[in-house]
Protein backbone atom coordinates (compact mmCIF):
# COMPACT_ATOMS: atom_id res chain seq x y z
CA MET A 1 0.00 0.00 0.00
CA LYS A 2 2.90 2.38 0.71
CA LYS A 3 4.29 1.68 -2.75
CA HIS A 4 0.89 2.37 -4.26
CA ALA A 5 0.61 5.67 -2.39
CA LEU A 6 4.00 6.77 -3.70
CA LYS A 7 3.06 5.70 -7.21
CA ILE A 8 -0.12 7.79 -7.02
CA PHE A 9 1.90 10.76 -5.79
CA ARG A 10 4.42 10.45 -8.62
CA ALA A 11 1.58 10.45 -11.16
CA ALA A 12 0.47 13.78 -9.70
CA LEU A 13 4.02 15.14 -9.99
CA ARG A 14 4.25 14.16 -13.65
CA ALA A 15 1.01 16.00 -14.39
CA ALA A 16 2.33 19.16 -12.70
CA ASP A 17 5.72 19.09 -14.43
CA PRO A 18 6.40 22.70 -15.57
CA ALA A 19 7.68 21.58 -18.97
CA VAL A 20 4.42 19.72 -19.52
CA VAL A 21 2.06 22.44 -18.31
CA VAL A 22 3.89 25.33 -19.98
CA GLY A 23 4.05 23.38 -23.24
CA ARG A 24 0.33 22.71 -22.99
CA HIS A 25 -0.48 26.44 -22.83
CA LEU A 26 2.16 27.98 -25.12
CA ARG A 27 2.54 27.43 -28.87
CA PHE A 28 4.97 29.16 -31.23
CA ASP A 29 4.97 28.82 -35.03
CA GLY A 30 8.07 30.93 -35.64
CA LYS A 31 6.13 34.18 -35.91
CA THR A 32 3.23 34.17 -33.45
CA LEU A 33 3.15 33.07 -29.83
CA LEU A 34 -0.18 31.61 -28.77
CA ALA A 35 -0.72 31.86 -24.99
CA GLY A 36 -4.05 30.40 -23.97
CA LYS A 37 -6.44 32.19 -26.34
CA LYS A 38 -4.27 35.26 -26.88
CA ARG A 39 -1.81 35.80 -29.73
CA TYR A 40 1.45 37.77 -29.71
CA ARG A 41 3.22 38.62 -32.98
CA LEU A 42 6.85 38.69 -31.95
CA SER A 43 7.68 41.10 -34.77
CA ASP A 44 5.79 43.70 -32.69
CA PHE A 45 8.49 43.51 -30.04
CA ASP A 46 12.15 44.50 -30.02
CA ARG A 47 12.96 42.36 -26.98
CA THR A 48 11.44 39.32 -25.30
CA GLN A 49 12.78 38.73 -21.79
CA VAL A 50 11.92 36.27 -19.04
CA ILE A 51 11.66 37.44 -15.43
CA GLY A 52 10.09 36.03 -12.28
CA ALA A 53 10.59 33.86 -9.23
CA GLY A 54 9.42 30.69 -7.53
CA LYS A 55 10.27 27.12 -6.62
CA ALA A 56 9.26 25.98 -10.11
CA ALA A 57 10.43 29.12 -11.90
CA ALA A 58 13.69 27.57 -13.18
CA ALA A 59 11.83 24.76 -14.94
CA MET A 60 9.24 27.21 -16.26
CA ALA A 61 11.94 29.51 -17.64
CA ARG A 62 13.66 26.58 -19.32
CA ALA A 63 10.34 25.53 -20.87
CA VAL A 64 9.85 29.04 -22.28
CA GLU A 65 13.38 28.95 -23.71
CA LYS A 66 12.68 25.61 -25.35
CA ILE A 67 9.53 26.96 -27.00
CA LEU A 68 10.88 30.35 -28.15
CA GLY A 69 14.55 29.50 -28.64
CA SER A 70 16.67 32.45 -29.81
CA ARG A 71 13.68 34.78 -29.62
CA VAL A 72 14.37 35.01 -25.88
CA SER A 73 16.90 37.82 -25.61
CA GLY A 74 17.64 37.32 -21.89
CA GLY A 75 16.14 37.72 -18.47
CA PHE A 76 16.58 37.17 -14.76
CA VAL A 77 14.73 34.73 -12.48
CA ASN A 78 15.12 34.12 -8.74
CA VAL A 79 15.02 30.40 -7.93
CA LYS A 80 15.28 28.29 -4.80
CA ASP A 81 18.76 27.55 -3.53
CA GLY A 82 19.96 24.13 -4.68
CA ASP A 83 17.98 24.02 -7.93
CA SER A 84 20.05 22.11 -10.49
CA ILE A 85 18.17 23.23 -13.63
CA ARG A 86 20.20 25.19 -16.20
CA THR A 87 19.11 27.70 -18.84
CA ARG A 88 20.96 29.20 -21.82
CA ARG A 89 19.66 32.77 -22.06
CA VAL A 90 17.90 33.50 -18.77
CA HIS A 91 20.05 34.04 -15.68
CA LEU A 92 18.90 31.91 -12.73
CA ASN A 93 19.68 33.42 -9.33
CA PRO A 94 19.65 31.00 -6.31
CA SER A 95 17.90 32.64 -3.34
CA GLY A 96 16.67 31.83 0.16
CA HIS A 97 13.29 30.30 1.00
CA PRO A 98 11.01 30.42 3.03
CA VAL A 99 12.85 33.27 4.75
CA PRO A 100 14.12 35.79 2.16
CA ASP A 101 17.83 36.57 1.99
CA GLU A 102 20.30 39.04 0.47
CA ARG A 103 20.63 37.05 -2.75
CA GLY A 104 16.89 37.25 -3.33
CA PHE A 105 16.97 40.94 -2.47
CA GLU A 106 19.70 41.65 -5.03
CA GLY A 107 17.90 39.50 -7.60
CA ALA A 108 14.68 41.44 -7.03
CA ARG A 109 16.59 44.65 -7.75
CA ARG A 110 17.79 43.17 -11.06
CA ILE A 111 14.25 42.12 -11.97
CA ALA A 112 12.95 45.58 -11.07
CA ALA A 113 15.62 47.15 -13.26
CA ILE A 114 14.54 45.05 -16.26
CA ALA A 115 10.90 46.02 -15.68
CA ARG A 116 11.74 49.70 -15.22
CA ALA A 117 13.73 49.78 -18.49
CA ALA A 118 10.99 48.07 -20.51
CA GLY A 119 9.05 50.11 -23.04
CA PRO A 120 6.01 49.65 -25.31
CA ARG A 121 7.97 47.38 -27.69
CA ASP A 122 9.10 45.01 -24.94
CA LEU A 123 7.49 41.66 -24.12
CA LEU A 124 8.15 40.45 -20.59
CA ILE A 125 7.29 36.82 -19.94
CA CYS A 126 6.96 36.53 -16.18
CA VAL A 127 7.16 33.04 -14.61
CA ILE A 128 5.60 32.84 -11.16
CA SER A 129 5.14 29.83 -8.91
CA GLY A 130 4.84 29.11 -5.22
CA GLY A 131 7.67 30.58 -3.21
CA ALA A 132 7.91 33.71 -5.36
CA SER A 133 6.94 35.96 -2.44
CA ALA A 134 9.99 34.92 -0.40
CA LEU A 135 12.31 34.44 -3.35
CA MET A 136 11.72 37.95 -4.76
CA PRO A 137 11.92 40.17 -1.64
CA SER A 138 11.79 43.90 -2.33
CA PRO A 139 11.10 45.61 1.00
CA ALA A 140 9.53 49.05 0.68
CA ALA A 141 11.10 51.70 2.89
CA PRO A 142 11.06 52.04 5.83
CA VAL A 143 10.79 48.22 5.93
CA THR A 144 14.20 46.56 5.74
CA LEU A 145 15.17 43.08 4.61
CA SER A 146 15.94 42.19 8.23
CA SER A 147 12.51 43.26 9.46
CA MET A 148 10.89 41.45 6.53
CA GLN A 149 12.77 38.28 7.55
CA ASP A 150 11.66 38.61 11.18
CA LEU A 151 8.04 39.21 10.18
CA THR A 152 8.07 36.19 7.83
CA ARG A 153 9.37 33.93 10.61
CA THR A 154 6.74 35.24 13.03
CA LEU A 155 3.84 34.70 10.63
CA LEU A 156 5.04 31.20 9.72
CA ALA A 157 5.38 30.21 13.38
CA CYS A 158 1.95 31.50 14.42
CA GLY A 159 0.13 29.49 11.74
CA ALA A 160 -0.91 32.31 9.41
CA THR A 161 -2.47 31.09 6.15
CA ILE A 162 -0.78 31.70 2.81
CA HIS A 163 -3.52 34.25 2.03
CA GLU A 164 -2.71 36.16 5.22
CA LEU A 165 1.03 35.88 4.75
CA ASN A 166 0.88 37.19 1.19
CA THR A 167 -1.54 39.98 2.09
CA VAL A 168 1.12 41.28 4.46
CA ARG A 169 3.94 40.74 1.98
CA LYS A 170 2.15 42.73 -0.73
CA HIS A 171 2.04 45.79 1.48
CA ILE A 172 5.66 45.80 2.58
CA SER A 173 7.06 45.15 -0.91
CA GLU A 174 7.85 47.25 -3.98
CA LEU A 175 7.09 44.46 -6.51
CA SER A 176 4.24 42.37 -5.05
CA GLY A 177 0.53 43.10 -5.33
CA GLY A 178 0.59 44.28 -8.95
CA GLN A 179 3.52 46.63 -8.41
CA LEU A 180 5.82 44.79 -10.85
CA ALA A 181 3.23 45.44 -13.58
CA ARG A 182 3.01 49.09 -12.56
CA LEU A 183 6.80 49.37 -12.75
CA ALA A 184 6.94 47.75 -16.22
CA SER A 185 4.04 49.68 -17.80
CA PRO A 186 3.60 50.29 -20.76
CA ALA A 187 5.45 47.06 -21.66
CA THR A 188 3.43 43.96 -22.57
CA ILE A 189 3.47 41.30 -19.86
CA LEU A 190 2.56 37.63 -20.19
CA THR A 191 2.62 35.98 -16.76
CA LEU A 192 2.64 32.19 -16.57
CA VAL A 193 1.43 31.03 -13.17
CA LEU A 194 1.83 27.67 -11.45
CA SER A 195 -0.68 27.83 -8.60
CA ASP A 196 0.20 26.82 -5.05
CA VAL A 197 -2.77 28.40 -3.26
CA VAL A 198 -6.23 27.12 -2.45
CA GLY A 199 -8.76 28.46 -4.95
CA ASP A 200 -6.04 29.53 -7.44
CA ASP A 201 -6.45 33.21 -6.53
CA LEU A 202 -4.14 35.05 -8.93
CA ASP A 203 -3.56 37.96 -6.56
CA VAL A 204 -2.35 35.55 -3.86
CA ILE A 205 -0.09 33.21 -5.87
CA GLY A 206 3.44 34.54 -5.38
CA SER A 207 1.82 37.68 -3.94
CA GLY A 208 0.50 38.55 -7.41
CA PRO A 209 3.26 40.83 -8.81
CA THR A 210 1.33 41.41 -12.05
CA VAL A 211 -2.24 41.16 -10.71
CA GLY A 212 -4.59 43.81 -9.32
CA ASP A 213 -4.57 43.52 -5.53
CA ARG A 214 -7.90 43.13 -3.76
CA SER A 215 -6.39 43.46 -0.28
CA THR A 216 -5.73 46.72 1.54
CA LEU A 217 -3.62 48.13 4.35
CA SER A 218 -6.66 47.70 6.60
CA ASP A 219 -6.51 43.94 5.95
CA VAL A 220 -2.87 43.96 7.04
CA ALA A 221 -3.79 45.73 10.26
CA ARG A 222 -6.46 43.09 10.98
CA ILE A 223 -3.94 40.28 10.46
CA PHE A 224 -1.47 41.90 12.83
CA LYS A 225 -4.21 42.28 15.42
CA LYS A 226 -5.36 38.67 14.98
CA TYR A 227 -1.89 37.29 15.73
CA SER A 228 -0.87 40.03 18.22
CA ILE A 229 2.01 41.16 16.02
CA ASP A 230 3.61 44.50 16.85
CA PHE A 231 4.78 45.76 13.46
CA GLN A 232 4.44 49.33 12.22
CA ILE A 233 3.60 49.64 8.53
CA GLU A 234 3.99 52.98 6.79
CA ARG A 235 0.66 54.14 5.35
CA GLY A 236 1.91 55.22 1.95
CA VAL A 237 0.82 54.38 -1.57
CA GLU A 238 -1.65 51.49 -1.85
CA THR A 239 -1.13 48.58 -4.24
CA PRO A 240 -2.83 48.95 -7.65
CA LYS A 241 -6.32 47.48 -7.72
CA PRO A 242 -8.16 45.44 -10.39
CA GLY A 243 -9.15 47.67 -13.30
CA ASP A 244 -6.10 49.92 -12.98
CA PRO A 245 -4.80 50.94 -16.46
CA VAL A 246 -1.36 49.47 -15.62
CA PHE A 247 -2.93 46.04 -16.26
CA ASP A 248 -4.27 46.90 -19.73
CA ARG A 249 -1.35 45.09 -21.42
CA VAL A 250 -1.04 42.24 -18.91
CA GLN A 251 -2.19 38.63 -19.36
CA ASN A 252 -2.09 36.31 -16.35
CA LEU A 253 -2.39 32.64 -17.35
CA ILE A 254 -2.63 29.76 -14.87
CA VAL A 255 -0.79 26.83 -16.45
CA GLY A 256 -0.96 24.31 -13.59
CA SER A 257 -2.66 23.73 -10.26
CA ASN A 258 -3.37 21.27 -7.48
CA ARG A 259 -6.58 20.25 -9.22
CA LEU A 260 -4.62 19.10 -12.27
CA ALA A 261 -2.34 17.00 -10.05
CA ILE A 262 -5.31 15.52 -8.18
CA ASP A 263 -6.95 14.52 -11.48
CA ALA A 264 -3.83 12.57 -12.45
CA ALA A 265 -3.63 10.98 -8.99
CA THR A 266 -7.27 9.92 -9.29
CA ALA A 267 -6.63 8.23 -12.63
CA GLU A 268 -3.60 6.38 -11.25
CA ALA A 269 -5.47 5.21 -8.13
CA ARG A 270 -8.30 3.85 -10.23
CA ALA A 271 -5.82 2.11 -12.53
CA LEU A 272 -4.39 0.40 -9.43
CA GLY A 273 -7.85 -0.95 -8.64
CA TYR A 274 -9.11 1.42 -5.93
CA ARG A 275 -12.52 2.97 -5.60
CA THR A 276 -11.42 6.57 -5.46
CA MET A 277 -12.88 9.77 -4.06
CA VAL A 278 -11.49 13.30 -4.07
CA LEU A 279 -12.38 14.80 -0.73
CA SER A 280 -11.43 18.35 -1.76
CA THR A 281 -8.67 20.44 -3.31
CA PHE A 282 -9.60 23.31 -0.97
CA ILE A 283 -8.28 21.82 2.28
CA GLU A 284 -7.03 24.45 4.73
CA GLY A 285 -6.80 24.70 8.51
CA GLU A 286 -4.73 23.47 11.41
CA THR A 287 -2.85 20.35 10.34
CA ARG A 288 -3.72 18.24 13.38
CA GLU A 289 -7.43 18.93 13.00
CA ILE A 290 -7.32 18.17 9.27
CA GLY A 291 -5.51 14.91 10.05
CA ALA A 292 -8.23 13.90 12.50
CA MET A 293 -10.92 14.76 9.96
CA HIS A 294 -9.32 12.59 7.27
CA ALA A 295 -8.96 9.77 9.80
CA ALA A 296 -12.69 10.04 10.52
CA VAL A 297 -13.46 9.35 6.85
CA VAL A 298 -11.23 6.27 6.93
CA LYS A 299 -12.97 5.06 10.10
CA GLU A 300 -16.35 5.37 8.40
CA ILE A 301 -15.15 3.30 5.44
CA LEU A 302 -13.81 0.62 7.80
CA ALA A 303 -16.92 0.60 9.98
CA SER A 304 -19.77 0.91 7.48
CA GLY A 305 -18.46 0.93 3.92
CA ARG A 306 -19.48 4.58 3.54
CA PRO A 307 -18.98 6.71 1.51
CA MET A 308 -17.57 3.79 -0.49
CA LYS A 309 -16.56 0.20 -0.06
CA ARG A 310 -13.05 -1.18 0.10
CA PRO A 311 -10.50 -1.15 -1.49
CA ALA A 312 -10.72 2.61 -1.24
CA CYS A 313 -8.47 5.58 -1.89
CA ILE A 314 -9.22 9.02 -0.48
CA LEU A 315 -7.40 11.96 -2.07
CA SER A 316 -7.22 15.58 -1.03
CA GLY A 317 -5.21 18.66 -1.88
CA GLY A 318 -4.63 22.10 -0.48
CA GLU A 319 -2.29 23.47 2.14
CA THR A 320 -2.67 23.28 5.90
CA THR A 321 -0.87 25.26 8.58
CA VAL A 322 1.03 24.33 11.73
CA THR A 323 1.02 26.44 14.86
CA VAL A 324 4.52 25.75 16.16
CA LYS A 325 4.65 25.33 19.93
CA GLY A 326 7.47 22.81 20.38
CA PRO A 327 11.19 22.89 19.57
CA GLY A 328 11.12 19.90 17.21
CA LEU A 329 11.67 19.53 13.47
CA GLY A 330 8.97 18.77 10.95
CA GLY A 331 6.55 20.07 8.34
CA ARG A 332 2.81 20.19 7.81
CA ASN A 333 2.75 16.93 5.79
CA GLN A 334 4.77 14.96 8.32
CA GLU A 335 2.64 16.35 11.12
CA PHE A 336 -0.53 15.44 9.21
CA VAL A 337 0.55 11.80 8.90
CA LEU A 338 1.44 11.59 12.59
CA ALA A 339 -1.81 13.25 13.71
CA ALA A 340 -3.95 11.05 11.44
CA SER A 341 -2.10 7.93 12.60
CA LEU A 342 -2.86 8.76 16.23
CA ALA A 343 -6.51 9.37 15.37
CA LEU A 344 -6.65 5.94 13.67
CA ASP A 345 -4.61 4.13 16.33
CA GLY A 346 -5.88 0.53 16.60
CA PHE A 347 -8.94 1.13 14.43
CA GLY A 348 -8.01 -0.95 11.40
CA PRO A 349 -5.80 -1.28 8.33
CA ALA A 350 -5.01 1.95 6.46
CA THR A 351 -2.09 3.68 4.81
CA ILE A 352 -1.65 7.41 5.27
CA PHE A 353 0.54 9.44 2.91
CA SER A 354 1.05 13.20 2.64
CA ALA A 355 3.71 15.15 0.78
CA GLY A 356 4.44 18.52 -0.76
CA THR A 357 4.57 18.52 -4.54
CA ASP A 358 7.70 20.68 -4.39
CA GLY A 359 9.54 17.90 -2.58
CA ILE A 360 10.04 20.05 0.52
CA ASP A 361 8.08 19.93 3.76
CA GLY A 362 8.88 22.75 6.15
CA PRO A 363 12.59 23.28 6.95
CA THR A 364 13.42 19.61 6.23
CA ASP A 365 14.89 17.49 3.44
CA ALA A 366 11.71 15.39 3.26
CA ALA A 367 8.64 15.95 1.08
CA GLY A 368 6.41 14.36 3.70
CA ALA A 369 5.79 11.02 5.38
CA VAL A 370 3.93 7.72 5.10
CA ALA A 371 2.53 5.41 7.78
CA ASP A 372 0.27 2.38 8.11
CA GLU A 373 -1.61 0.55 10.87
CA ASN A 374 1.65 -0.91 12.21
CA THR A 375 3.62 2.33 12.48
CA LEU A 376 2.62 3.36 15.99
CA ALA A 377 3.10 -0.15 17.38
CA ARG A 378 6.59 -0.28 15.88
CA ALA A 379 7.37 3.11 17.40
CA ARG A 380 6.30 2.03 20.88
CA LYS A 381 8.47 -1.10 20.66
CA LEU A 382 11.38 1.26 20.04
CA GLY A 383 10.43 3.27 23.11
CA LEU A 384 9.05 6.20 21.09
CA ASP A 385 5.96 8.05 22.33
CA PRO A 386 4.05 9.28 19.23
CA ARG A 387 1.99 11.77 21.22
CA ALA A 388 5.10 13.33 22.74
CA PHE A 389 6.65 13.78 19.30
CA LEU A 390 3.45 15.44 18.06
CA ASP A 391 3.35 17.77 21.06
CA GLU A 392 6.93 18.80 20.35
CA ASN A 393 6.24 19.39 16.62
CA ASP A 394 8.96 16.77 16.04
CA SER A 395 7.36 14.61 13.36
CA TYR A 396 10.56 14.51 11.30
CA HIS A 397 12.59 12.70 13.97
CA PHE A 398 9.65 10.40 14.72
CA PHE A 399 9.43 9.16 11.14
CA GLU A 400 13.19 9.17 10.73
CA HIS A 401 13.40 6.40 13.36
CA LEU A 402 10.77 4.38 11.46
CA ASP A 403 11.95 4.87 7.87
CA GLY A 404 8.70 6.70 7.20
CA LEU A 405 10.04 9.87 5.63
CA VAL A 406 9.25 10.46 1.96
CA LYS A 407 12.28 12.00 0.26
CA THR A 408 12.01 12.97 -3.39
CA GLY A 409 14.44 15.86 -3.52
CA PRO A 410 13.33 19.10 -5.23
CA THR A 411 10.74 18.17 -7.85
CA GLY A 412 10.87 21.32 -9.98
CA THR A 413 7.17 21.96 -9.49
CA ASN A 414 4.93 23.31 -6.74
CA VAL A 415 1.15 22.87 -6.64
CA MET A 416 0.57 22.55 -2.89
CA ASP A 417 0.22 19.22 -1.06
CA LEU A 418 -1.28 15.85 -1.91
CA ARG A 419 -2.73 13.47 0.66
CA VAL A 420 -3.41 9.82 -0.14
CA LEU A 421 -5.28 7.55 2.29
CA ILE A 422 -5.68 3.91 1.27
CA VAL A 423 -7.99 1.40 2.90
CA PRO A 424 -7.08 -2.07 1.58
């Protein structure tokens, strides 16, 4: 069952491969670039450059190069440290994530310079994926990079959602929240987006650098109040809103999402012989509570054969949050598997799998974890207390002892998390 869960996960990764999804949405016949339903005659432009940031941005930039070839005149993209992908014309700049660093800051300045120099005969192809907010830090004075780093750590630790985190980021940045588009106007911008947020909200993905921002400074103040964060934000110029003329020559095109990955996982699970149900691709909330909820569905299948009979596979996508209270090491996917295992303890046979499609779960080298009905018993024989590890937010070391960590390495894509629960 563990092998099946991993096979289902890998099918989802293949479907979200940037080369695949970008190639599905871009076509070039040597003269005209077709992006979705919009056409761009490249003879109308003197330069075509690629800019952007994100965990999957390197693969996306390479895919654009492959499609357009020598028509790409250059560019600059901030990518996650350790990415091994290489490009020929676009400079890839390794940067820090999830906490922004100096390399990302300098890269953001280079990207801003390209946007600022662009004119009406420039085409900027912007590649944005999850992680772009941290990888392209451009703090707006009086905010400094150091204070942006501290605020990011605080929001991550208190369990703020990605929507809340990016709402704050947009209002302390010079490029987020549509401000990159404002800087580049009147250039033409085609933004290719690989979604890593629930609901695929364009103004949230990567903090929406080329999208009209629906959030306001008042929303930021409410978030600070909610989490008791003492941070002074200068009330200066607001982010550009939907309908602003700076977006007249901007196309934002979602090329991949969690839903696409879930569809591929569903097909693979059915091919393996499982009755399969997608619980939701909109899963958010505290990881432990979401784990208990998924466990409840498994219990119902075991007890009554509802909502479907065995063999069954339950799939879900989205992105949960962890309120960190202990000193341990882990990530939301590892914590989900541990919490769900405890909720199912002794109830019956089931395999629980959860992993991030980017191959990274929190500040660890694992994508997630996998467990079955024997995991907790094995742990106790080794003298490990599962509940204590959960209380310490130390799911990584728990599963490390049990060979339950899922390690894929960086996948080159990022469309949130995938959870697979199998009832044999």
